[in-house]
Amino acid sequence: MSFVGDELRGHTQYKPGDISTISALVSRSVLVEVVEHVDLLESILGNTWLYINWHFITKHLTTEQREAFADAVDAWSEAMNPEEPNPVADRWWR
């Protein structure tokens, strides 16, 4: 949590013991970390979709897992090709 500590030291509104400032900064750093993980997971799932048999993988998942996987693949595809935002994942289970 050194990032949060460094940010607290430079924060002009911070007063020692001010829980609301600490809470807000920790929440923001956690949110940034979560967003970075989501981007990484979308990239992993997008590359999995690209190079591995999509039907084989998704037939072993629940419908909810399939939808989440397909959503991640579509988000990854849109990030890679913003000029072509059309869904690319074949949702064969529908």
PDB file of N, CA and C in Angstrom:
ATOM      1  N   MET A   1       0.810  -1.193   0.000  1.00  0.00           N
ATOM      2  CA  MET A   1       0.000   0.000   0.000  1.00  0.00           C
ATOM      3  C   MET A   1       0.858   1.264   0.000  1.00  0.00           C
ATOM      4  N   SER A   2       2.074   1.154  -0.492  1.00  0.00           N
ATOM      5  CA  SER A   2       2.936   2.334  -0.501  1.00  0.00           C
ATOM      6  C   SER A   2       2.353   3.422  -1.393  1.00  0.00           C
ATOM      7  N   PHE A   3       1.641   3.040  -2.447  1.00  0.00           N
ATOM      8  CA  PHE A   3       1.017   4.027  -3.325  1.00  0.00           C
ATOM      9  C   PHE A   3       0.064   4.913  -2.525  1.00  0.00           C
ATOM     10  N   VAL A   4      -0.746   4.286  -1.718  1.00  0.00           N
ATOM     11  CA  VAL A   4      -1.706   5.048  -0.926  1.00  0.00           C
ATOM     12  C   VAL A   4      -0.962   5.930   0.069  1.00  0.00           C
ATOM     13  N   GLY A   5       0.074   5.393   0.720  1.00  0.00           N
ATOM     14  CA  GLY A   5       0.861   6.182   1.662  1.00  0.00           C
ATOM     15  C   GLY A   5       1.509   7.371   0.992  1.00  0.00           C
ATOM     16  N   ASP A   6       2.097   7.172  -0.186  1.00  0.00           N
ATOM     17  CA  ASP A   6       2.720   8.264  -0.926  1.00  0.00           C
ATOM     18  C   ASP A   6       1.684   9.314  -1.294  1.00  0.00           C
ATOM     19  N   GLU A   7       0.514   8.874  -1.725  1.00  0.00           N
ATOM     20  CA  GLU A   7      -0.520   9.815  -2.120  1.00  0.00           C
ATOM     21  C   GLU A   7      -1.046  10.589  -0.910  1.00  0.00           C
ATOM     22  N   LEU A   8      -1.149   9.941   0.230  1.00  0.00           N
ATOM     23  CA  LEU A   8      -1.601  10.637   1.432  1.00  0.00           C
ATOM     24  C   LEU A   8      -0.631  11.743   1.830  1.00  0.00           C
ATOM     25  N   ARG A   9       0.669  11.452   1.731  1.00  0.00           N
ATOM     26  CA  ARG A   9       1.657  12.451   2.111  1.00  0.00           C
ATOM     27  C   ARG A   9       1.561  13.692   1.233  1.00  0.00           C
ATOM     28  N   GLY A  10       1.207  13.543  -0.041  1.00  0.00           N
ATOM     29  CA  GLY A  10       1.109  14.678  -0.941  1.00  0.00           C
ATOM     30  C   GLY A  10      -0.272  15.301  -0.994  1.00  0.00           C
ATOM     31  N   HIS A  11      -1.228  14.731  -0.288  1.00  0.00           N
ATOM     32  CA  HIS A  11      -2.607  15.197  -0.335  1.00  0.00           C
ATOM     33  C   HIS A  11      -2.774  16.437   0.537  1.00  0.00           C
ATOM     34  N   THR A  12      -3.199  17.533  -0.045  1.00  0.00           N
ATOM     35  CA  THR A  12      -3.276  18.804   0.679  1.00  0.00           C
ATOM     36  C   THR A  12      -4.413  18.836   1.698  1.00  0.00           C
ATOM     37  N   GLN A  13      -5.449  18.034   1.507  1.00  0.00           N
ATOM     38  CA  GLN A  13      -6.595  18.056   2.419  1.00  0.00           C
ATOM     39  C   GLN A  13      -6.429  17.081   3.582  1.00  0.00           C
ATOM     40  N   TYR A  14      -5.364  16.262   3.557  1.00  0.00           N
ATOM     41  CA  TYR A  14      -5.216  15.204   4.566  1.00  0.00           C
ATOM     42  C   TYR A  14      -4.816  15.762   5.928  1.00  0.00           C
ATOM     43  N   LYS A  15      -5.535  15.312   6.940  1.00  0.00           N
ATOM     44  CA  LYS A  15      -5.189  15.612   8.328  1.00  0.00           C
ATOM     45  C   LYS A  15      -4.981  14.260   9.011  1.00  0.00           C
ATOM     46  N   PRO A  16      -3.924  14.099   9.776  1.00  0.00           N
ATOM     47  CA  PRO A  16      -3.689  12.812  10.446  1.00  0.00           C
ATOM     48  C   PRO A  16      -4.946  12.327  11.167  1.00  0.00           C
ATOM     49  N   GLY A  17      -5.292  11.081  10.921  1.00  0.00           N
ATOM     50  CA  GLY A  17      -6.469  10.487  11.532  1.00  0.00           C
ATOM     51  C   GLY A  17      -7.754  10.723  10.777  1.00  0.00           C
ATOM     52  N   ASP A  18      -7.688  11.401   9.647  1.00  0.00           N
ATOM     53  CA  ASP A  18      -8.888  11.689   8.846  1.00  0.00           C
ATOM     54  C   ASP A  18      -9.268  10.431   8.065  1.00  0.00           C
ATOM     55  N   ILE A  19     -10.191   9.690   8.610  1.00  0.00           N
ATOM     56  CA  ILE A  19     -10.590   8.406   8.027  1.00  0.00           C
ATOM     57  C   ILE A  19     -11.250   8.570   6.664  1.00  0.00           C
ATOM     58  N   SER A  20     -12.033   9.617   6.446  1.00  0.00           N
ATOM     59  CA  SER A  20     -12.736   9.774   5.171  1.00  0.00           C
ATOM     60  C   SER A  20     -11.749   9.962   4.026  1.00  0.00           C
ATOM     61  N   THR A  21     -10.674  10.716   4.231  1.00  0.00           N
ATOM     62  CA  THR A  21      -9.668  10.890   3.172  1.00  0.00           C
ATOM     63  C   THR A  21      -8.943   9.592   2.912  1.00  0.00           C
ATOM     64  N   ILE A  22      -8.563   8.901   3.978  1.00  0.00           N
ATOM     65  CA  ILE A  22      -7.875   7.615   3.817  1.00  0.00           C
ATOM     66  C   ILE A  22      -8.775   6.635   3.079  1.00  0.00           C
ATOM     67  N   SER A  23     -10.032   6.570   3.483  1.00  0.00           N
ATOM     68  CA  SER A  23     -10.991   5.662   2.859  1.00  0.00           C
ATOM     69  C   SER A  23     -11.153   5.968   1.370  1.00  0.00           C
ATOM     70  N   ALA A  24     -11.276   7.249   1.027  1.00  0.00           N
ATOM     71  CA  ALA A  24     -11.451   7.634  -0.377  1.00  0.00           C
ATOM     72  C   ALA A  24     -10.227   7.277  -1.201  1.00  0.00           C
ATOM     73  N   LEU A  25      -9.038   7.510  -0.672  1.00  0.00           N
ATOM     74  CA  LEU A  25      -7.816   7.208  -1.425  1.00  0.00           C
ATOM     75  C   LEU A  25      -7.611   5.710  -1.583  1.00  0.00           C
ATOM     76  N   VAL A  26      -7.895   4.952  -0.534  1.00  0.00           N
ATOM     77  CA  VAL A  26      -7.772   3.498  -0.627  1.00  0.00           C
ATOM     78  C   VAL A  26      -8.776   2.972  -1.629  1.00  0.00           C
ATOM     79  N   SER A  27     -10.024   3.464  -1.573  1.00  0.00           N
ATOM     80  CA  SER A  27     -11.044   3.027  -2.515  1.00  0.00           C
ATOM     81  C   SER A  27     -10.622   3.325  -3.945  1.00  0.00           C
ATOM     82  N   ARG A  28     -10.054   4.505  -4.188  1.00  0.00           N
ATOM     83  CA  ARG A  28      -9.625   4.866  -5.532  1.00  0.00           C
ATOM     84  C   ARG A  28      -8.482   3.971  -6.003  1.00  0.00           C
ATOM     85  N   SER A  29      -7.528   3.680  -5.129  1.00  0.00           N
ATOM     86  CA  SER A  29      -6.412   2.835  -5.541  1.00  0.00           C
ATOM     87  C   SER A  29      -6.888   1.410  -5.807  1.00  0.00           C
ATOM     88  N   VAL A  30      -7.844   0.929  -5.010  1.00  0.00           N
ATOM     89  CA  VAL A  30      -8.415  -0.404  -5.237  1.00  0.00           C
ATOM     90  C   VAL A  30      -9.171  -0.421  -6.560  1.00  0.00           C
ATOM     91  N   LEU A  31      -9.928   0.627  -6.842  1.00  0.00           N
ATOM     92  CA  LEU A  31     -10.669   0.709  -8.096  1.00  0.00           C
ATOM     93  C   LEU A  31      -9.725   0.700  -9.292  1.00  0.00           C
ATOM     94  N   VAL A  32      -8.635   1.445  -9.220  1.00  0.00           N
ATOM     95  CA  VAL A  32      -7.649   1.460 -10.304  1.00  0.00           C
ATOM     96  C   VAL A  32      -7.086   0.058 -10.513  1.00  0.00           C
ATOM     97  N   GLU A  33      -6.797  -0.633  -9.425  1.00  0.00           N
ATOM     98  CA  GLU A  33      -6.261  -1.989  -9.521  1.00  0.00           C
ATOM     99  C   GLU A  33      -7.281  -2.938 -10.143  1.00  0.00           C
ATOM    100  N   VAL A  34      -8.547  -2.803  -9.774  1.00  0.00           N
ATOM    101  CA  VAL A  34      -9.600  -3.654 -10.334  1.00  0.00           C
ATOM    102  C   VAL A  34      -9.741  -3.407 -11.833  1.00  0.00           C
ATOM    103  N   VAL A  35      -9.740  -2.147 -12.248  1.00  0.00           N
ATOM    104  CA  VAL A  35      -9.853  -1.814 -13.668  1.00  0.00           C
ATOM    105  C   VAL A  35      -8.691  -2.403 -14.446  1.00  0.00           C
ATOM    106  N   GLU A  36      -7.489  -2.319 -13.896  1.00  0.00           N
ATOM    107  CA  GLU A  36      -6.331  -2.902 -14.568  1.00  0.00           C
ATOM    108  C   GLU A  36      -6.493  -4.412 -14.704  1.00  0.00           C
ATOM    109  N   HIS A  37      -7.040  -5.069 -13.671  1.00  0.00           N
ATOM    110  CA  HIS A  37      -7.256  -6.505 -13.737  1.00  0.00           C
ATOM    111  C   HIS A  37      -8.337  -6.860 -14.756  1.00  0.00           C
ATOM    112  N   VAL A  38      -9.384  -6.052 -14.838  1.00  0.00           N
ATOM    113  CA  VAL A  38     -10.442  -6.303 -15.826  1.00  0.00           C
ATOM    114  C   VAL A  38      -9.863  -6.203 -17.231  1.00  0.00           C
ATOM    115  N   ASP A  39      -9.056  -5.183 -17.492  1.00  0.00           N
ATOM    116  CA  ASP A  39      -8.427  -5.036 -18.807  1.00  0.00           C
ATOM    117  C   ASP A  39      -7.556  -6.245 -19.120  1.00  0.00           C
ATOM    118  N   LEU A  40      -6.796  -6.714 -18.134  1.00  0.00           N
ATOM    119  CA  LEU A  40      -5.941  -7.883 -18.334  1.00  0.00           C
ATOM    120  C   LEU A  40      -6.775  -9.125 -18.611  1.00  0.00           C
ATOM    121  N   LEU A  41      -7.845  -9.320 -17.838  1.00  0.00           N
ATOM    122  CA  LEU A  41      -8.702 -10.485 -18.049  1.00  0.00           C
ATOM    123  C   LEU A  41      -9.382 -10.450 -19.417  1.00  0.00           C
ATOM    124  N   GLU A  42      -9.856  -9.268 -19.845  1.00  0.00           N
ATOM    125  CA  GLU A  42     -10.457  -9.163 -21.178  1.00  0.00           C
ATOM    126  C   GLU A  42      -9.438  -9.513 -22.245  1.00  0.00           C
ATOM    127  N   SER A  43      -8.207  -9.087 -22.069  1.00  0.00           N
ATOM    128  CA  SER A  43      -7.153  -9.406 -23.030  1.00  0.00           C
ATOM    129  C   SER A  43      -6.874 -10.909 -23.068  1.00  0.00           C
ATOM    130  N   ILE A  44      -6.797 -11.515 -21.900  1.00  0.00           N
ATOM    131  CA  ILE A  44      -6.556 -12.973 -21.839  1.00  0.00           C
ATOM    132  C   ILE A  44      -7.703 -13.724 -22.498  1.00  0.00           C
ATOM    133  N   LEU A  45      -8.932 -13.353 -22.167  1.00  0.00           N
ATOM    134  CA  LEU A  45     -10.087 -14.042 -22.746  1.00  0.00           C
ATOM    135  C   LEU A  45     -10.207 -13.775 -24.241  1.00  0.00           C
ATOM    136  N   GLY A  46      -9.887 -12.560 -24.664  1.00  0.00           N
ATOM    137  CA  GLY A  46      -9.920 -12.242 -26.087  1.00  0.00           C
ATOM    138  C   GLY A  46      -8.908 -13.051 -26.870  1.00  0.00           C
ATOM    139  N   ASN A  47      -7.707 -13.184 -26.342  1.00  0.00           N
ATOM    140  CA  ASN A  47      -6.694 -13.989 -27.016  1.00  0.00           C
ATOM    141  C   ASN A  47      -7.030 -15.467 -26.975  1.00  0.00           C
ATOM    142  N   THR A  48      -7.667 -15.909 -25.899  1.00  0.00           N
ATOM    143  CA  THR A  48      -8.128 -17.301 -25.835  1.00  0.00           C
ATOM    144  C   THR A  48      -9.159 -17.542 -26.926  1.00  0.00           C
ATOM    145  N   TRP A  49     -10.102 -16.619 -27.064  1.00  0.00           N
ATOM    146  CA  TRP A  49     -11.119 -16.730 -28.114  1.00  0.00           C
ATOM    147  C   TRP A  49     -10.467 -16.771 -29.488  1.00  0.00           C
ATOM    148  N   LEU A  50      -9.430 -15.952 -29.682  1.00  0.00           N
ATOM    149  CA  LEU A  50      -8.783 -15.824 -30.978  1.00  0.00           C
ATOM    150  C   LEU A  50      -8.028 -17.089 -31.381  1.00  0.00           C
ATOM    151  N   TYR A  51      -7.379 -17.745 -30.425  1.00  0.00           N
ATOM    152  CA  TYR A  51      -6.462 -18.838 -30.760  1.00  0.00           C
ATOM    153  C   TYR A  51      -6.922 -20.230 -30.375  1.00  0.00           C
ATOM    154  N   ILE A  52      -8.019 -20.349 -29.626  1.00  0.00           N
ATOM    155  CA  ILE A  52      -8.474 -21.666 -29.174  1.00  0.00           C
ATOM    156  C   ILE A  52      -9.912 -21.871 -29.632  1.00  0.00           C
ATOM    157  N   ASN A  53     -10.308 -23.108 -29.784  1.00  0.00           N
ATOM    158  CA  ASN A  53     -11.643 -23.453 -30.265  1.00  0.00           C
ATOM    159  C   ASN A  53     -12.719 -22.934 -29.306  1.00  0.00           C
ATOM    160  N   TRP A  54     -13.402 -21.871 -29.732  1.00  0.00           N
ATOM    161  CA  TRP A  54     -14.412 -21.186 -28.936  1.00  0.00           C
ATOM    162  C   TRP A  54     -15.538 -22.126 -28.510  1.00  0.00           C
ATOM    163  N   HIS A  55     -16.035 -22.912 -29.436  1.00  0.00           N
ATOM    164  CA  HIS A  55     -17.147 -23.815 -29.139  1.00  0.00           C
ATOM    165  C   HIS A  55     -16.733 -24.855 -28.100  1.00  0.00           C
ATOM    166  N   PHE A  56     -15.536 -25.395 -28.213  1.00  0.00           N
ATOM    167  CA  PHE A  56     -15.056 -26.401 -27.270  1.00  0.00           C
ATOM    168  C   PHE A  56     -14.990 -25.834 -25.850  1.00  0.00           C
ATOM    169  N   ILE A  57     -14.460 -24.627 -25.730  1.00  0.00           N
ATOM    170  CA  ILE A  57     -14.330 -24.018 -24.403  1.00  0.00           C
ATOM    171  C   ILE A  57     -15.703 -23.698 -23.818  1.00  0.00           C
ATOM    172  N   THR A  58     -16.536 -23.044 -24.587  1.00  0.00           N
ATOM    173  CA  THR A  58     -17.807 -22.564 -24.045  1.00  0.00           C
ATOM    174  C   THR A  58     -18.822 -23.683 -23.794  1.00  0.00           C
ATOM    175  N   LYS A  59     -18.684 -24.818 -24.440  1.00  0.00           N
ATOM    176  CA  LYS A  59     -19.653 -25.885 -24.165  1.00  0.00           C
ATOM    177  C   LYS A  59     -19.486 -26.461 -22.768  1.00  0.00           C
ATOM    178  N   HIS A  60     -18.364 -26.175 -22.118  1.00  0.00           N
ATOM    179  CA  HIS A  60     -18.118 -26.658 -20.764  1.00  0.00           C
ATOM    180  C   HIS A  60     -18.475 -25.623 -19.691  1.00  0.00           C
ATOM    181  N   LEU A  61     -19.059 -24.501 -20.104  1.00  0.00           N
ATOM    182  CA  LEU A  61     -19.409 -23.423 -19.181  1.00  0.00           C
ATOM    183  C   LEU A  61     -20.921 -23.343 -18.999  1.00  0.00           C
ATOM    184  N   THR A  62     -21.335 -22.697 -17.919  1.00  0.00           N
ATOM    185  CA  THR A  62     -22.756 -22.413 -17.741  1.00  0.00           C
ATOM    186  C   THR A  62     -23.127 -21.262 -18.681  1.00  0.00           C
ATOM    187  N   THR A  63     -24.402 -21.043 -18.875  1.00  0.00           N
ATOM    188  CA  THR A  63     -24.841 -19.950 -19.742  1.00  0.00           C
ATOM    189  C   THR A  63     -24.360 -18.605 -19.196  1.00  0.00           C
ATOM    190  N   GLU A  64     -24.418 -18.420 -17.900  1.00  0.00           N
ATOM    191  CA  GLU A  64     -23.944 -17.174 -17.291  1.00  0.00           C
ATOM    192  C   GLU A  64     -22.448 -16.972 -17.560  1.00  0.00           C
ATOM    193  N   GLN A  65     -21.656 -18.027 -17.438  1.00  0.00           N
ATOM    194  CA  GLN A  65     -20.221 -17.942 -17.720  1.00  0.00           C
ATOM    195  C   GLN A  65     -19.970 -17.674 -19.202  1.00  0.00           C
ATOM    196  N   ARG A  66     -20.761 -18.310 -20.060  1.00  0.00           N
ATOM    197  CA  ARG A  66     -20.623 -18.077 -21.503  1.00  0.00           C
ATOM    198  C   ARG A  66     -20.879 -16.619 -21.849  1.00  0.00           C
ATOM    199  N   GLU A  67     -21.958 -16.061 -21.274  1.00  0.00           N
ATOM    200  CA  GLU A  67     -22.301 -14.668 -21.548  1.00  0.00           C
ATOM    201  C   GLU A  67     -21.194 -13.727 -21.062  1.00  0.00           C
ATOM    202  N   ALA A  68     -20.659 -13.993 -19.872  1.00  0.00           N
ATOM    203  CA  ALA A  68     -19.584 -13.150 -19.340  1.00  0.00           C
ATOM    204  C   ALA A  68     -18.343 -13.257 -20.215  1.00  0.00           C
ATOM    205  N   PHE A  69     -18.010 -14.457 -20.665  1.00  0.00           N
ATOM    206  CA  PHE A  69     -16.863 -14.681 -21.545  1.00  0.00           C
ATOM    207  C   PHE A  69     -17.078 -13.940 -22.868  1.00  0.00           C
ATOM    208  N   ALA A  70     -18.261 -14.082 -23.444  1.00  0.00           N
ATOM    209  CA  ALA A  70     -18.566 -13.417 -24.716  1.00  0.00           C
ATOM    210  C   ALA A  70     -18.534 -11.894 -24.559  1.00  0.00           C
ATOM    211  N   ASP A  71     -19.058 -11.377 -23.449  1.00  0.00           N
ATOM    212  CA  ASP A  71     -19.001  -9.935 -23.199  1.00  0.00           C
ATOM    213  C   ASP A  71     -17.554  -9.450 -23.115  1.00  0.00           C
ATOM    214  N   ALA A  72     -16.707 -10.223 -22.442  1.00  0.00           N
ATOM    215  CA  ALA A  72     -15.289  -9.853 -22.330  1.00  0.00           C
ATOM    216  C   ALA A  72     -14.606  -9.881 -23.690  1.00  0.00           C
ATOM    217  N   VAL A  73     -14.921 -10.869 -24.498  1.00  0.00           N
ATOM    218  CA  VAL A  73     -14.340 -10.962 -25.845  1.00  0.00           C
ATOM    219  C   VAL A  73     -14.794  -9.780 -26.691  1.00  0.00           C
ATOM    220  N   ASP A  74     -16.066  -9.433 -26.614  1.00  0.00           N
ATOM    221  CA  ASP A  74     -16.569  -8.284 -27.376  1.00  0.00           C
ATOM    222  C   ASP A  74     -15.916  -6.982 -26.920  1.00  0.00           C
ATOM    223  N   ALA A  75     -15.750  -6.813 -25.599  1.00  0.00           N
ATOM    224  CA  ALA A  75     -15.090  -5.602 -25.079  1.00  0.00           C
ATOM    225  C   ALA A  75     -13.637  -5.543 -25.536  1.00  0.00           C
ATOM    226  N   TRP A  76     -12.956  -6.670 -25.494  1.00  0.00           N
ATOM    227  CA  TRP A  76     -11.565  -6.740 -25.952  1.00  0.00           C
ATOM    228  C   TRP A  76     -11.473  -6.419 -27.439  1.00  0.00           C
ATOM    229  N   SER A  77     -12.374  -6.972 -28.224  1.00  0.00           N
ATOM    230  CA  SER A  77     -12.380  -6.729 -29.663  1.00  0.00           C
ATOM    231  C   SER A  77     -12.629  -5.256 -29.963  1.00  0.00           C
ATOM    232  N   GLU A  78     -13.559  -4.652 -29.232  1.00  0.00           N
ATOM    233  CA  GLU A  78     -13.852  -3.236 -29.447  1.00  0.00           C
ATOM    234  C   GLU A  78     -12.651  -2.365 -29.064  1.00  0.00           C
ATOM    235  N   ALA A  79     -11.942  -2.748 -28.001  1.00  0.00           N
ATOM    236  CA  ALA A  79     -10.745  -1.986 -27.603  1.00  0.00           C
ATOM    237  C   ALA A  79      -9.637  -2.123 -28.643  1.00  0.00           C
ATOM    238  N   MET A  80      -9.556  -3.292 -29.260  1.00  0.00           N
ATOM    239  CA  MET A  80      -8.517  -3.522 -30.271  1.00  0.00           C
ATOM    240  C   MET A  80      -8.884  -2.889 -31.614  1.00  0.00           C
ATOM    241  N   ASN A  81     -10.164  -2.819 -31.931  1.00  0.00           N
ATOM    242  CA  ASN A  81     -10.661  -2.279 -33.199  1.00  0.00           C
ATOM    243  C   ASN A  81     -11.799  -1.303 -32.944  1.00  0.00           C
ATOM    244  N   PRO A  82     -11.518  -0.112 -32.426  1.00  0.00           N
ATOM    245  CA  PRO A  82     -12.602   0.807 -32.074  1.00  0.00           C
ATOM    246  C   PRO A  82     -13.445   1.259 -33.270  1.00  0.00           C
ATOM    247  N   GLU A  83     -12.912   1.179 -34.475  1.00  0.00           N
ATOM    248  CA  GLU A  83     -13.688   1.587 -35.646  1.00  0.00           C
ATOM    249  C   GLU A  83     -14.689   0.520 -36.079  1.00  0.00           C
ATOM    250  N   GLU A  84     -14.573  -0.699 -35.542  1.00  0.00           N
ATOM    251  CA  GLU A  84     -15.508  -1.778 -35.844  1.00  0.00           C
ATOM    252  C   GLU A  84     -16.077  -2.337 -34.535  1.00  0.00           C
ATOM    253  N   PRO A  85     -17.036  -1.635 -33.910  1.00  0.00           N
ATOM    254  CA  PRO A  85     -17.527  -2.053 -32.599  1.00  0.00           C
ATOM    255  C   PRO A  85     -18.541  -3.201 -32.615  1.00  0.00           C
ATOM    256  N   ASN A  86     -18.655  -3.925 -33.712  1.00  0.00           N
ATOM    257  CA  ASN A  86     -19.628  -5.013 -33.776  1.00  0.00           C
ATOM    258  C   ASN A  86     -19.193  -6.190 -32.909  1.00  0.00           C
ATOM    259  N   PRO A  87     -20.146  -6.866 -32.267  1.00  0.00           N
ATOM    260  CA  PRO A  87     -19.802  -8.048 -31.474  1.00  0.00           C
ATOM    261  C   PRO A  87     -19.148  -9.115 -32.342  1.00  0.00           C
ATOM    262  N   VAL A  88     -18.123  -9.768 -31.802  1.00  0.00           N
ATOM    263  CA  VAL A  88     -17.418 -10.789 -32.570  1.00  0.00           C
ATOM    264  C   VAL A  88     -17.624 -12.195 -32.018  1.00  0.00           C
ATOM    265  N   ALA A  89     -17.996 -12.285 -30.740  1.00  0.00           N
ATOM    266  CA  ALA A  89     -18.155 -13.600 -30.124  1.00  0.00           C
ATOM    267  C   ALA A  89     -19.428 -14.282 -30.635  1.00  0.00           C
ATOM    268  N   ASP A  90     -19.264 -15.497 -31.108  1.00  0.00           N
ATOM    269  CA  ASP A  90     -20.401 -16.287 -31.584  1.00  0.00           C
ATOM    270  C   ASP A  90     -21.120 -16.858 -30.365  1.00  0.00           C
ATOM    271  N   ARG A  91     -22.319 -16.389 -30.127  1.00  0.00           N
ATOM    272  CA  ARG A  91     -23.097 -16.871 -28.972  1.00  0.00           C
ATOM    273  C   ARG A  91     -24.005 -17.999 -29.452  1.00  0.00           C
ATOM    274  N   TRP A  92     -23.408 -19.126 -29.758  1.00  0.00           N
ATOM    275  CA  TRP A  92     -24.083 -20.275 -30.357  1.00  0.00           C
ATOM    276  C   TRP A  92     -25.138 -20.866 -29.430  1.00  0.00           C
ATOM    277  N   TRP A  93     -25.074 -20.633 -28.138  1.00  0.00           N
ATOM    278  CA  TRP A  93     -25.988 -21.226 -27.178  1.00  0.00           C
ATOM    279  C   TRP A  93     -27.353 -20.558 -27.145  1.00  0.00           C
ATOM    280  N   ARG A  94     -27.512 -19.434 -27.809  1.00  0.00           N
ATOM    281  CA  ARG A  94     -28.795 -18.720 -27.797  1.00  0.00           C
ATOM    282  C   ARG A  94     -29.762 -19.341 -28.755  1.00  0.00           C
TER     283      ARG A  94
END
